Amino acid sequence: MRAMREERESAADMFPAEAVLGAGLPEAAARHLRYASLAYQRDDVAERHLWDAKALAPGHAAVLIGLYRFYFYKGRLAEALDIARVCLNKAARDNHLPADWRLVERGAAEFDRYDAVLPRFFLFALKAYAYLQMRLGNVEEGRQALEKLLTLDPLDRAGGKVLLGVLERMGQADDD
């Protein structure tokens, strides 16, 4: 039970709150995000609104995060992983980092600054990617992404150590 609770807490904090504030988001896209949240229980309606928002603001972090969270919380993890990849690519571009997360070096962005939104977005996108890879059975890929996350964020501001604990307990009996 404890491992599952830690997984949920970790998943809920995959992206920084600053990125969802909507700066620069067209009003029509913001409206679709609101409609999606109101229709959350009706998957087809909510998803249509999310994709309408994406059509209006295709590269906006708030829209991507909305899509990610929708798929994640609906248990549609493969689709959440697709969006996590889009977020990771966007974050790499926005931070002027290599497209391949494996090539990102510790000093390439201000990963140590908690208030540096763009580097944090990269860290949280990498965390989401690692988590979903592990959940979908791609444990080695998830482990590599998690190791990169912890290299870039040794103070663990993004919370990667929680995932490391989950990874280390995989396959062990849960006594709780």
N, C-alpha and C. Protein backbone atom coordinates (compact mmCIF):
# COMPACT_ATOMS: atom_id res chain seq x y z
N MET A 1 0.82 -1.19 0.00
CA MET A 1 0.00 0.00 0.00
C MET A 1 0.86 1.26 0.00
N ARG A 2 1.92 1.26 0.81
CA ARG A 2 2.78 2.43 0.88
C ARG A 2 3.39 2.74 -0.48
N ALA A 3 3.85 1.72 -1.19
CA ALA A 3 4.46 1.93 -2.51
C ALA A 3 3.45 2.53 -3.48
N MET A 4 2.21 2.05 -3.45
CA MET A 4 1.18 2.60 -4.33
C MET A 4 0.88 4.05 -3.98
N ARG A 5 0.84 4.37 -2.67
CA ARG A 5 0.57 5.74 -2.23
C ARG A 5 1.70 6.66 -2.70
N GLU A 6 2.95 6.21 -2.58
CA GLU A 6 4.08 7.01 -3.02
C GLU A 6 4.04 7.21 -4.53
N GLU A 7 3.62 6.19 -5.27
CA GLU A 7 3.50 6.32 -6.72
C GLU A 7 2.48 7.39 -7.06
N ARG A 8 1.32 7.39 -6.41
CA ARG A 8 0.29 8.38 -6.69
C ARG A 8 0.77 9.78 -6.35
N GLU A 9 1.42 9.94 -5.19
CA GLU A 9 1.92 11.25 -4.79
C GLU A 9 2.96 11.74 -5.78
N SER A 10 3.81 10.84 -6.23
CA SER A 10 4.83 11.21 -7.20
C SER A 10 4.19 11.61 -8.52
N ALA A 11 3.21 10.86 -8.96
CA ALA A 11 2.57 11.13 -10.24
C ALA A 11 1.83 12.47 -10.21
N ALA A 12 1.26 12.82 -9.09
CA ALA A 12 0.51 14.07 -9.00
C ALA A 12 1.41 15.29 -9.09
N ASP A 13 2.70 15.12 -8.88
CA ASP A 13 3.62 16.24 -8.88
C ASP A 13 4.59 16.18 -10.05
N MET A 14 4.16 15.62 -11.17
CA MET A 14 5.05 15.44 -12.31
C MET A 14 5.46 16.74 -12.97
N PHE A 15 4.64 17.76 -12.90
CA PHE A 15 4.93 19.00 -13.59
C PHE A 15 4.81 20.16 -12.61
N PRO A 16 5.62 21.19 -12.79
CA PRO A 16 5.57 22.33 -11.86
C PRO A 16 4.29 23.13 -12.02
N ALA A 17 3.80 23.64 -10.90
CA ALA A 17 2.56 24.42 -10.91
C ALA A 17 2.68 25.67 -11.76
N GLU A 18 3.88 26.28 -11.80
CA GLU A 18 4.06 27.52 -12.54
C GLU A 18 3.69 27.35 -14.02
N ALA A 19 3.93 26.18 -14.57
CA ALA A 19 3.72 25.96 -15.99
C ALA A 19 2.25 25.93 -16.37
N VAL A 20 1.36 25.75 -15.40
CA VAL A 20 -0.06 25.66 -15.73
C VAL A 20 -0.79 26.98 -15.53
N LEU A 21 -0.07 28.04 -15.23
CA LEU A 21 -0.72 29.33 -14.98
C LEU A 21 -1.35 29.92 -16.23
N GLY A 22 -0.91 29.48 -17.40
CA GLY A 22 -1.58 29.87 -18.62
C GLY A 22 -1.07 31.14 -19.27
N ALA A 23 0.08 31.64 -18.89
CA ALA A 23 0.61 32.85 -19.52
C ALA A 23 0.70 32.63 -21.03
N GLY A 24 0.11 33.55 -21.77
CA GLY A 24 0.16 33.47 -23.22
C GLY A 24 -0.82 32.49 -23.84
N LEU A 25 -1.66 31.88 -23.05
CA LEU A 25 -2.63 30.92 -23.57
C LEU A 25 -3.81 31.68 -24.18
N PRO A 26 -4.12 31.43 -25.45
CA PRO A 26 -5.29 32.10 -26.05
C PRO A 26 -6.56 31.78 -25.26
N GLU A 27 -7.43 32.77 -25.15
CA GLU A 27 -8.66 32.61 -24.36
C GLU A 27 -9.49 31.42 -24.83
N ALA A 28 -9.56 31.21 -26.13
CA ALA A 28 -10.36 30.08 -26.65
C ALA A 28 -9.77 28.75 -26.17
N ALA A 29 -8.45 28.65 -26.13
CA ALA A 29 -7.81 27.43 -25.64
C ALA A 29 -8.07 27.27 -24.15
N ALA A 30 -7.97 28.35 -23.39
CA ALA A 30 -8.25 28.31 -21.95
C ALA A 30 -9.69 27.86 -21.71
N ARG A 31 -10.60 28.33 -22.54
CA ARG A 31 -12.00 27.94 -22.41
C ARG A 31 -12.15 26.43 -22.62
N HIS A 32 -11.47 25.89 -23.63
CA HIS A 32 -11.54 24.44 -23.87
C HIS A 32 -10.95 23.66 -22.69
N LEU A 33 -9.89 24.17 -22.09
CA LEU A 33 -9.33 23.50 -20.90
C LEU A 33 -10.35 23.49 -19.76
N ARG A 34 -11.03 24.61 -19.58
CA ARG A 34 -12.08 24.67 -18.53
C ARG A 34 -13.19 23.68 -18.84
N TYR A 35 -13.65 23.65 -20.08
CA TYR A 35 -14.71 22.73 -20.47
C TYR A 35 -14.27 21.27 -20.27
N ALA A 36 -13.02 21.00 -20.58
CA ALA A 36 -12.49 19.64 -20.39
C ALA A 36 -12.55 19.25 -18.92
N SER A 37 -12.18 20.17 -18.05
CA SER A 37 -12.21 19.84 -16.62
C SER A 37 -13.64 19.64 -16.13
N LEU A 38 -14.56 20.42 -16.66
CA LEU A 38 -15.97 20.27 -16.27
C LEU A 38 -16.57 18.96 -16.78
N ALA A 39 -16.05 18.47 -17.90
CA ALA A 39 -16.57 17.24 -18.51
C ALA A 39 -15.69 16.03 -18.20
N TYR A 40 -14.88 16.12 -17.18
CA TYR A 40 -13.88 15.08 -16.89
C TYR A 40 -14.49 13.67 -16.85
N GLN A 41 -15.69 13.53 -16.33
CA GLN A 41 -16.31 12.20 -16.21
C GLN A 41 -16.79 11.65 -17.55
N ARG A 42 -16.88 12.51 -18.54
CA ARG A 42 -17.30 12.09 -19.89
C ARG A 42 -16.06 12.12 -20.77
N ASP A 43 -15.37 11.00 -20.82
CA ASP A 43 -14.06 10.94 -21.48
C ASP A 43 -14.04 11.52 -22.88
N ASP A 44 -15.02 11.16 -23.70
CA ASP A 44 -15.01 11.60 -25.09
C ASP A 44 -15.14 13.12 -25.19
N VAL A 45 -15.99 13.72 -24.36
CA VAL A 45 -16.19 15.17 -24.39
C VAL A 45 -14.95 15.88 -23.86
N ALA A 46 -14.44 15.43 -22.73
CA ALA A 46 -13.25 16.05 -22.14
C ALA A 46 -12.06 15.96 -23.09
N GLU A 47 -11.87 14.79 -23.66
CA GLU A 47 -10.73 14.60 -24.56
C GLU A 47 -10.86 15.49 -25.81
N ARG A 48 -12.06 15.61 -26.33
CA ARG A 48 -12.27 16.47 -27.50
C ARG A 48 -11.90 17.91 -27.18
N HIS A 49 -12.30 18.38 -25.99
CA HIS A 49 -11.95 19.76 -25.60
C HIS A 49 -10.44 19.92 -25.43
N LEU A 50 -9.79 18.92 -24.89
CA LEU A 50 -8.33 19.01 -24.75
C LEU A 50 -7.64 19.09 -26.10
N TRP A 51 -8.12 18.30 -27.05
CA TRP A 51 -7.51 18.34 -28.38
C TRP A 51 -7.87 19.62 -29.12
N ASP A 52 -9.05 20.18 -28.86
CA ASP A 52 -9.40 21.48 -29.43
C ASP A 52 -8.47 22.55 -28.87
N ALA A 53 -8.18 22.48 -27.57
CA ALA A 53 -7.24 23.43 -26.96
C ALA A 53 -5.85 23.28 -27.58
N LYS A 54 -5.45 22.03 -27.82
CA LYS A 54 -4.14 21.79 -28.43
C LYS A 54 -4.08 22.34 -29.85
N ALA A 55 -5.18 22.24 -30.59
CA ALA A 55 -5.21 22.80 -31.95
C ALA A 55 -5.04 24.32 -31.92
N LEU A 56 -5.57 24.95 -30.88
CA LEU A 56 -5.48 26.41 -30.76
C LEU A 56 -4.15 26.87 -30.18
N ALA A 57 -3.52 26.04 -29.38
CA ALA A 57 -2.24 26.39 -28.73
C ALA A 57 -1.37 25.14 -28.67
N PRO A 58 -0.88 24.69 -29.84
CA PRO A 58 -0.24 23.37 -29.93
C PRO A 58 1.01 23.19 -29.06
N GLY A 59 1.72 24.23 -28.79
CA GLY A 59 2.94 24.05 -28.01
C GLY A 59 2.87 24.60 -26.61
N HIS A 60 1.68 24.97 -26.15
CA HIS A 60 1.57 25.59 -24.82
C HIS A 60 1.64 24.54 -23.72
N ALA A 61 2.47 24.80 -22.73
CA ALA A 61 2.67 23.84 -21.64
C ALA A 61 1.37 23.52 -20.90
N ALA A 62 0.51 24.51 -20.71
CA ALA A 62 -0.74 24.25 -19.97
C ALA A 62 -1.60 23.23 -20.70
N VAL A 63 -1.65 23.31 -22.01
CA VAL A 63 -2.44 22.36 -22.80
C VAL A 63 -1.80 20.97 -22.73
N LEU A 64 -0.49 20.92 -22.89
CA LEU A 64 0.20 19.63 -22.84
C LEU A 64 0.04 18.97 -21.47
N ILE A 65 0.15 19.77 -20.44
CA ILE A 65 -0.01 19.24 -19.08
C ILE A 65 -1.44 18.76 -18.87
N GLY A 66 -2.40 19.49 -19.39
CA GLY A 66 -3.79 19.05 -19.30
C GLY A 66 -4.00 17.71 -19.96
N LEU A 67 -3.46 17.55 -21.16
CA LEU A 67 -3.55 16.26 -21.86
C LEU A 67 -2.86 15.16 -21.07
N TYR A 68 -1.66 15.45 -20.59
CA TYR A 68 -0.90 14.45 -19.82
C TYR A 68 -1.71 13.99 -18.60
N ARG A 69 -2.19 14.94 -17.85
CA ARG A 69 -2.93 14.59 -16.62
C ARG A 69 -4.21 13.82 -16.94
N PHE A 70 -4.91 14.22 -17.98
CA PHE A 70 -6.12 13.51 -18.37
C PHE A 70 -5.79 12.04 -18.63
N TYR A 71 -4.82 11.79 -19.50
CA TYR A 71 -4.47 10.41 -19.83
C TYR A 71 -3.93 9.67 -18.62
N PHE A 72 -3.11 10.33 -17.82
CA PHE A 72 -2.54 9.68 -16.66
C PHE A 72 -3.63 9.25 -15.68
N TYR A 73 -4.49 10.18 -15.31
CA TYR A 73 -5.49 9.86 -14.30
C TYR A 73 -6.60 8.96 -14.83
N LYS A 74 -6.75 8.85 -16.13
CA LYS A 74 -7.68 7.90 -16.72
C LYS A 74 -7.03 6.53 -16.88
N GLY A 75 -5.77 6.41 -16.50
CA GLY A 75 -5.08 5.12 -16.60
C GLY A 75 -4.65 4.78 -18.02
N ARG A 76 -4.65 5.75 -18.88
CA ARG A 76 -4.25 5.55 -20.27
C ARG A 76 -2.76 5.91 -20.38
N LEU A 77 -1.95 5.04 -19.80
CA LEU A 77 -0.54 5.35 -19.59
C LEU A 77 0.27 5.44 -20.87
N ALA A 78 -0.04 4.65 -21.87
CA ALA A 78 0.71 4.74 -23.13
C ALA A 78 0.48 6.10 -23.78
N GLU A 79 -0.75 6.60 -23.71
CA GLU A 79 -1.04 7.92 -24.26
C GLU A 79 -0.41 9.01 -23.40
N ALA A 80 -0.39 8.81 -22.09
CA ALA A 80 0.29 9.76 -21.21
C ALA A 80 1.78 9.81 -21.54
N LEU A 81 2.36 8.65 -21.84
CA LEU A 81 3.78 8.60 -22.22
C LEU A 81 4.02 9.37 -23.51
N ASP A 82 3.12 9.24 -24.47
CA ASP A 82 3.26 10.01 -25.72
C ASP A 82 3.31 11.51 -25.42
N ILE A 83 2.44 11.97 -24.55
CA ILE A 83 2.41 13.40 -24.21
C ILE A 83 3.65 13.76 -23.38
N ALA A 84 4.10 12.88 -22.50
CA ALA A 84 5.32 13.14 -21.74
C ALA A 84 6.50 13.33 -22.69
N ARG A 85 6.54 12.54 -23.76
CA ARG A 85 7.61 12.70 -24.76
C ARG A 85 7.53 14.07 -25.43
N VAL A 86 6.31 14.50 -25.76
CA VAL A 86 6.13 15.82 -26.38
C VAL A 86 6.61 16.90 -25.41
N CYS A 87 6.24 16.75 -24.14
CA CYS A 87 6.67 17.72 -23.12
C CYS A 87 8.18 17.73 -22.98
N LEU A 88 8.78 16.56 -22.98
CA LEU A 88 10.23 16.46 -22.84
C LEU A 88 10.93 17.12 -24.03
N ASN A 89 10.42 16.90 -25.23
CA ASN A 89 11.00 17.54 -26.41
C ASN A 89 10.82 19.06 -26.37
N LYS A 90 9.64 19.51 -25.96
CA LYS A 90 9.39 20.95 -25.84
C LYS A 90 10.31 21.56 -24.80
N ALA A 91 10.44 20.91 -23.66
CA ALA A 91 11.29 21.43 -22.59
C ALA A 91 12.75 21.48 -23.04
N ALA A 92 13.19 20.49 -23.79
CA ALA A 92 14.56 20.50 -24.30
C ALA A 92 14.76 21.69 -25.24
N ARG A 93 13.83 21.89 -26.16
CA ARG A 93 13.92 23.04 -27.08
C ARG A 93 13.91 24.36 -26.32
N ASP A 94 12.96 24.50 -25.39
CA ASP A 94 12.82 25.76 -24.66
C ASP A 94 14.04 26.08 -23.81
N ASN A 95 14.76 25.05 -23.39
CA ASN A 95 15.96 25.23 -22.57
C ASN A 95 17.25 25.19 -23.40
N HIS A 96 17.10 25.05 -24.72
CA HIS A 96 18.26 24.95 -25.63
C HIS A 96 19.16 23.77 -25.25
N LEU A 97 18.51 22.65 -24.99
CA LEU A 97 19.20 21.42 -24.61
C LEU A 97 19.18 20.46 -25.79
N PRO A 98 20.05 19.45 -25.76
CA PRO A 98 19.98 18.42 -26.81
C PRO A 98 18.61 17.75 -26.83
N ALA A 99 18.18 17.36 -28.01
CA ALA A 99 16.88 16.69 -28.14
C ALA A 99 16.85 15.36 -27.40
N ASP A 100 17.99 14.69 -27.33
CA ASP A 100 18.10 13.41 -26.62
C ASP A 100 18.44 13.69 -25.15
N TRP A 101 17.53 13.38 -24.26
CA TRP A 101 17.73 13.67 -22.83
C TRP A 101 18.99 13.01 -22.28
N ARG A 102 19.44 11.94 -22.92
CA ARG A 102 20.64 11.25 -22.45
C ARG A 102 21.89 12.11 -22.58
N LEU A 103 21.84 13.09 -23.48
CA LEU A 103 23.00 13.95 -23.75
C LEU A 103 23.00 15.24 -22.93
N VAL A 104 21.98 15.46 -22.13
CA VAL A 104 21.89 16.68 -21.33
C VAL A 104 22.88 16.59 -20.18
N GLU A 105 23.65 17.64 -20.01
CA GLU A 105 24.65 17.70 -18.95
C GLU A 105 24.15 18.55 -17.79
N ARG A 106 24.69 18.30 -16.64
CA ARG A 106 24.27 18.94 -15.39
C ARG A 106 24.23 20.46 -15.48
N GLY A 107 25.23 21.11 -16.04
CA GLY A 107 25.28 22.57 -16.07
C GLY A 107 24.63 23.20 -17.30
N ALA A 108 23.93 22.43 -18.09
CA ALA A 108 23.35 22.93 -19.34
C ALA A 108 22.17 23.88 -19.13
N ALA A 109 21.56 23.85 -17.96
CA ALA A 109 20.45 24.74 -17.60
C ALA A 109 20.51 24.94 -16.09
N GLU A 110 19.71 25.86 -15.60
CA GLU A 110 19.72 26.16 -14.16
C GLU A 110 18.85 25.16 -13.39
N PHE A 111 19.27 23.92 -13.42
CA PHE A 111 18.49 22.86 -12.78
C PHE A 111 18.47 23.01 -11.25
N ASP A 112 19.43 23.72 -10.69
CA ASP A 112 19.50 23.89 -9.24
C ASP A 112 18.55 24.96 -8.71
N ARG A 113 18.07 25.83 -9.57
CA ARG A 113 17.21 26.93 -9.14
C ARG A 113 15.76 26.50 -9.13
N TYR A 114 15.18 26.50 -7.97
CA TYR A 114 13.79 26.08 -7.83
C TYR A 114 12.85 27.00 -8.59
N ASP A 115 13.21 28.29 -8.70
CA ASP A 115 12.35 29.26 -9.36
C ASP A 115 12.57 29.34 -10.86
N ALA A 116 13.48 28.55 -11.41
CA ALA A 116 13.73 28.53 -12.86
C ALA A 116 12.71 27.59 -13.51
N VAL A 117 11.64 28.16 -14.03
CA VAL A 117 10.50 27.37 -14.50
C VAL A 117 10.87 26.45 -15.67
N LEU A 118 11.57 26.96 -16.66
CA LEU A 118 11.87 26.13 -17.83
C LEU A 118 12.74 24.93 -17.48
N PRO A 119 13.82 25.10 -16.73
CA PRO A 119 14.58 23.90 -16.34
C PRO A 119 13.77 22.93 -15.49
N ARG A 120 12.90 23.46 -14.62
CA ARG A 120 12.06 22.57 -13.81
C ARG A 120 11.08 21.80 -14.68
N PHE A 121 10.56 22.45 -15.71
CA PHE A 121 9.66 21.76 -16.63
C PHE A 121 10.37 20.58 -17.28
N PHE A 122 11.62 20.79 -17.65
CA PHE A 122 12.41 19.69 -18.21
C PHE A 122 12.55 18.55 -17.19
N LEU A 123 12.89 18.90 -15.96
CA LEU A 123 13.07 17.87 -14.92
C LEU A 123 11.77 17.10 -14.67
N PHE A 124 10.67 17.81 -14.58
CA PHE A 124 9.40 17.13 -14.32
C PHE A 124 8.95 16.30 -15.51
N ALA A 125 9.23 16.78 -16.72
CA ALA A 125 8.89 15.98 -17.91
C ALA A 125 9.74 14.71 -17.94
N LEU A 126 11.01 14.82 -17.57
CA LEU A 126 11.88 13.64 -17.52
C LEU A 126 11.41 12.68 -16.44
N LYS A 127 10.96 13.22 -15.33
CA LYS A 127 10.42 12.38 -14.26
C LYS A 127 9.18 11.63 -14.73
N ALA A 128 8.29 12.33 -15.40
CA ALA A 128 7.09 11.70 -15.93
C ALA A 128 7.45 10.59 -16.91
N TYR A 129 8.39 10.89 -17.78
CA TYR A 129 8.85 9.91 -18.77
C TYR A 129 9.41 8.67 -18.07
N ALA A 130 10.25 8.87 -17.06
CA ALA A 130 10.85 7.75 -16.33
C ALA A 130 9.77 6.91 -15.64
N TYR A 131 8.87 7.59 -14.96
CA TYR A 131 7.81 6.90 -14.23
C TYR A 131 6.95 6.05 -15.17
N LEU A 132 6.53 6.65 -16.28
CA LEU A 132 5.66 5.93 -17.19
C LEU A 132 6.38 4.78 -17.87
N GLN A 133 7.64 4.96 -18.18
CA GLN A 133 8.41 3.84 -18.75
C GLN A 133 8.41 2.67 -17.77
N MET A 134 8.65 2.96 -16.50
CA MET A 134 8.66 1.89 -15.49
C MET A 134 7.28 1.24 -15.38
N ARG A 135 6.23 2.06 -15.32
CA ARG A 135 4.87 1.51 -15.19
C ARG A 135 4.47 0.66 -16.38
N LEU A 136 4.98 0.99 -17.56
CA LEU A 136 4.64 0.25 -18.77
C LEU A 136 5.57 -0.92 -19.02
N GLY A 137 6.45 -1.21 -18.06
CA GLY A 137 7.31 -2.38 -18.16
C GLY A 137 8.65 -2.15 -18.82
N ASN A 138 8.94 -0.93 -19.21
CA ASN A 138 10.23 -0.60 -19.81
C ASN A 138 11.16 -0.13 -18.69
N VAL A 139 11.46 -1.06 -17.80
CA VAL A 139 12.14 -0.73 -16.55
C VAL A 139 13.53 -0.17 -16.80
N GLU A 140 14.28 -0.72 -17.74
CA GLU A 140 15.64 -0.24 -17.97
C GLU A 140 15.63 1.19 -18.52
N GLU A 141 14.74 1.47 -19.45
CA GLU A 141 14.60 2.83 -19.99
C GLU A 141 14.20 3.79 -18.88
N GLY A 142 13.27 3.38 -18.04
CA GLY A 142 12.86 4.20 -16.90
C GLY A 142 13.99 4.43 -15.93
N ARG A 143 14.77 3.39 -15.68
CA ARG A 143 15.90 3.52 -14.76
C ARG A 143 16.93 4.51 -15.31
N GLN A 144 17.22 4.42 -16.60
CA GLN A 144 18.19 5.34 -17.20
C GLN A 144 17.70 6.79 -17.12
N ALA A 145 16.42 7.00 -17.40
CA ALA A 145 15.87 8.35 -17.32
C ALA A 145 15.89 8.85 -15.87
N LEU A 146 15.59 7.98 -14.94
CA LEU A 146 15.62 8.34 -13.52
C LEU A 146 17.05 8.68 -13.08
N GLU A 147 18.01 7.90 -13.52
CA GLU A 147 19.41 8.19 -13.18
C GLU A 147 19.84 9.54 -13.74
N LYS A 148 19.40 9.86 -14.97
CA LYS A 148 19.71 11.17 -15.56
C LYS A 148 19.05 12.27 -14.74
N LEU A 149 17.80 12.05 -14.35
CA LEU A 149 17.09 13.04 -13.53
C LEU A 149 17.86 13.33 -12.25
N LEU A 150 18.31 12.29 -11.58
CA LEU A 150 19.02 12.48 -10.31
C LEU A 150 20.40 13.09 -10.52
N THR A 151 21.00 12.87 -11.67
CA THR A 151 22.27 13.52 -12.00
C THR A 151 22.05 15.02 -12.20
N LEU A 152 20.99 15.37 -12.90
CA LEU A 152 20.69 16.77 -13.16
C LEU A 152 20.15 17.49 -11.93
N ASP A 153 19.53 16.74 -11.04
CA ASP A 153 18.85 17.29 -9.87
C ASP A 153 19.31 16.56 -8.60
N PRO A 154 20.60 16.71 -8.24
CA PRO A 154 21.11 15.95 -7.09
C PRO A 154 20.47 16.35 -5.76
N LEU A 155 19.90 17.54 -5.67
CA LEU A 155 19.21 17.94 -4.44
C LEU A 155 17.78 17.41 -4.41
N ASP A 156 17.38 16.75 -5.47
CA ASP A 156 16.08 16.06 -5.57
C ASP A 156 14.89 16.99 -5.42
N ARG A 157 14.97 18.14 -6.01
CA ARG A 157 13.83 19.08 -5.97
C ARG A 157 12.65 18.55 -6.76
N ALA A 158 12.91 17.73 -7.77
CA ALA A 158 11.82 17.17 -8.57
C ALA A 158 11.24 15.89 -7.96
N GLY A 159 11.86 15.37 -6.92
CA GLY A 159 11.31 14.20 -6.25
C GLY A 159 11.63 12.87 -6.91
N GLY A 160 12.73 12.80 -7.61
CA GLY A 160 13.11 11.55 -8.27
C GLY A 160 13.45 10.41 -7.33
N LYS A 161 13.88 10.74 -6.12
CA LYS A 161 14.25 9.68 -5.18
C LYS A 161 13.05 8.82 -4.78
N VAL A 162 11.87 9.41 -4.80
CA VAL A 162 10.66 8.62 -4.52
C VAL A 162 10.54 7.51 -5.57
N LEU A 163 10.75 7.88 -6.84
CA LEU A 163 10.68 6.88 -7.90
C LEU A 163 11.79 5.86 -7.77
N LEU A 164 12.95 6.30 -7.34
CA LEU A 164 14.05 5.36 -7.13
C LEU A 164 13.66 4.33 -6.07
N GLY A 165 13.00 4.78 -5.01
CA GLY A 165 12.52 3.85 -3.99
C GLY A 165 11.51 2.86 -4.54
N VAL A 166 10.62 3.34 -5.39
CA VAL A 166 9.64 2.46 -6.03
C VAL A 166 10.36 1.45 -6.91
N LEU A 167 11.31 1.92 -7.67
CA LEU A 167 12.08 1.05 -8.56
C LEU A 167 12.83 -0.01 -7.77
N GLU A 168 13.43 0.37 -6.67
CA GLU A 168 14.18 -0.58 -5.85
C GLU A 168 13.27 -1.62 -5.20
N ARG A 169 12.00 -1.25 -4.95
CA ARG A 169 11.06 -2.18 -4.32
C ARG A 169 10.31 -3.04 -5.32
N MET A 170 10.46 -2.75 -6.60
CA MET A 170 9.73 -3.53 -7.62
C MET A 170 10.07 -5.00 -7.46
N GLY A 171 9.06 -5.79 -7.44
CA GLY A 171 9.26 -7.23 -7.32
C GLY A 171 9.34 -7.72 -5.89
N GLN A 172 9.36 -6.81 -4.92
CA GLN A 172 9.37 -7.21 -3.53
C GLN A 172 7.94 -7.22 -3.00
N ALA A 173 7.69 -8.04 -2.01
CA ALA A 173 6.36 -8.10 -1.39
C ALA A 173 6.13 -6.81 -0.62
N ASP A 174 4.90 -6.31 -0.63
CA ASP A 174 4.53 -5.11 0.10
C ASP A 174 3.92 -5.55 1.43
N ASP A 175 4.58 -5.23 2.52
CA ASP A 175 4.15 -5.66 3.85
C ASP A 175 3.05 -4.79 4.45
N ASP A 176 2.78 -3.65 3.85
CA ASP A 176 1.76 -2.74 4.41
C ASP A 176 0.36 -3.20 4.12
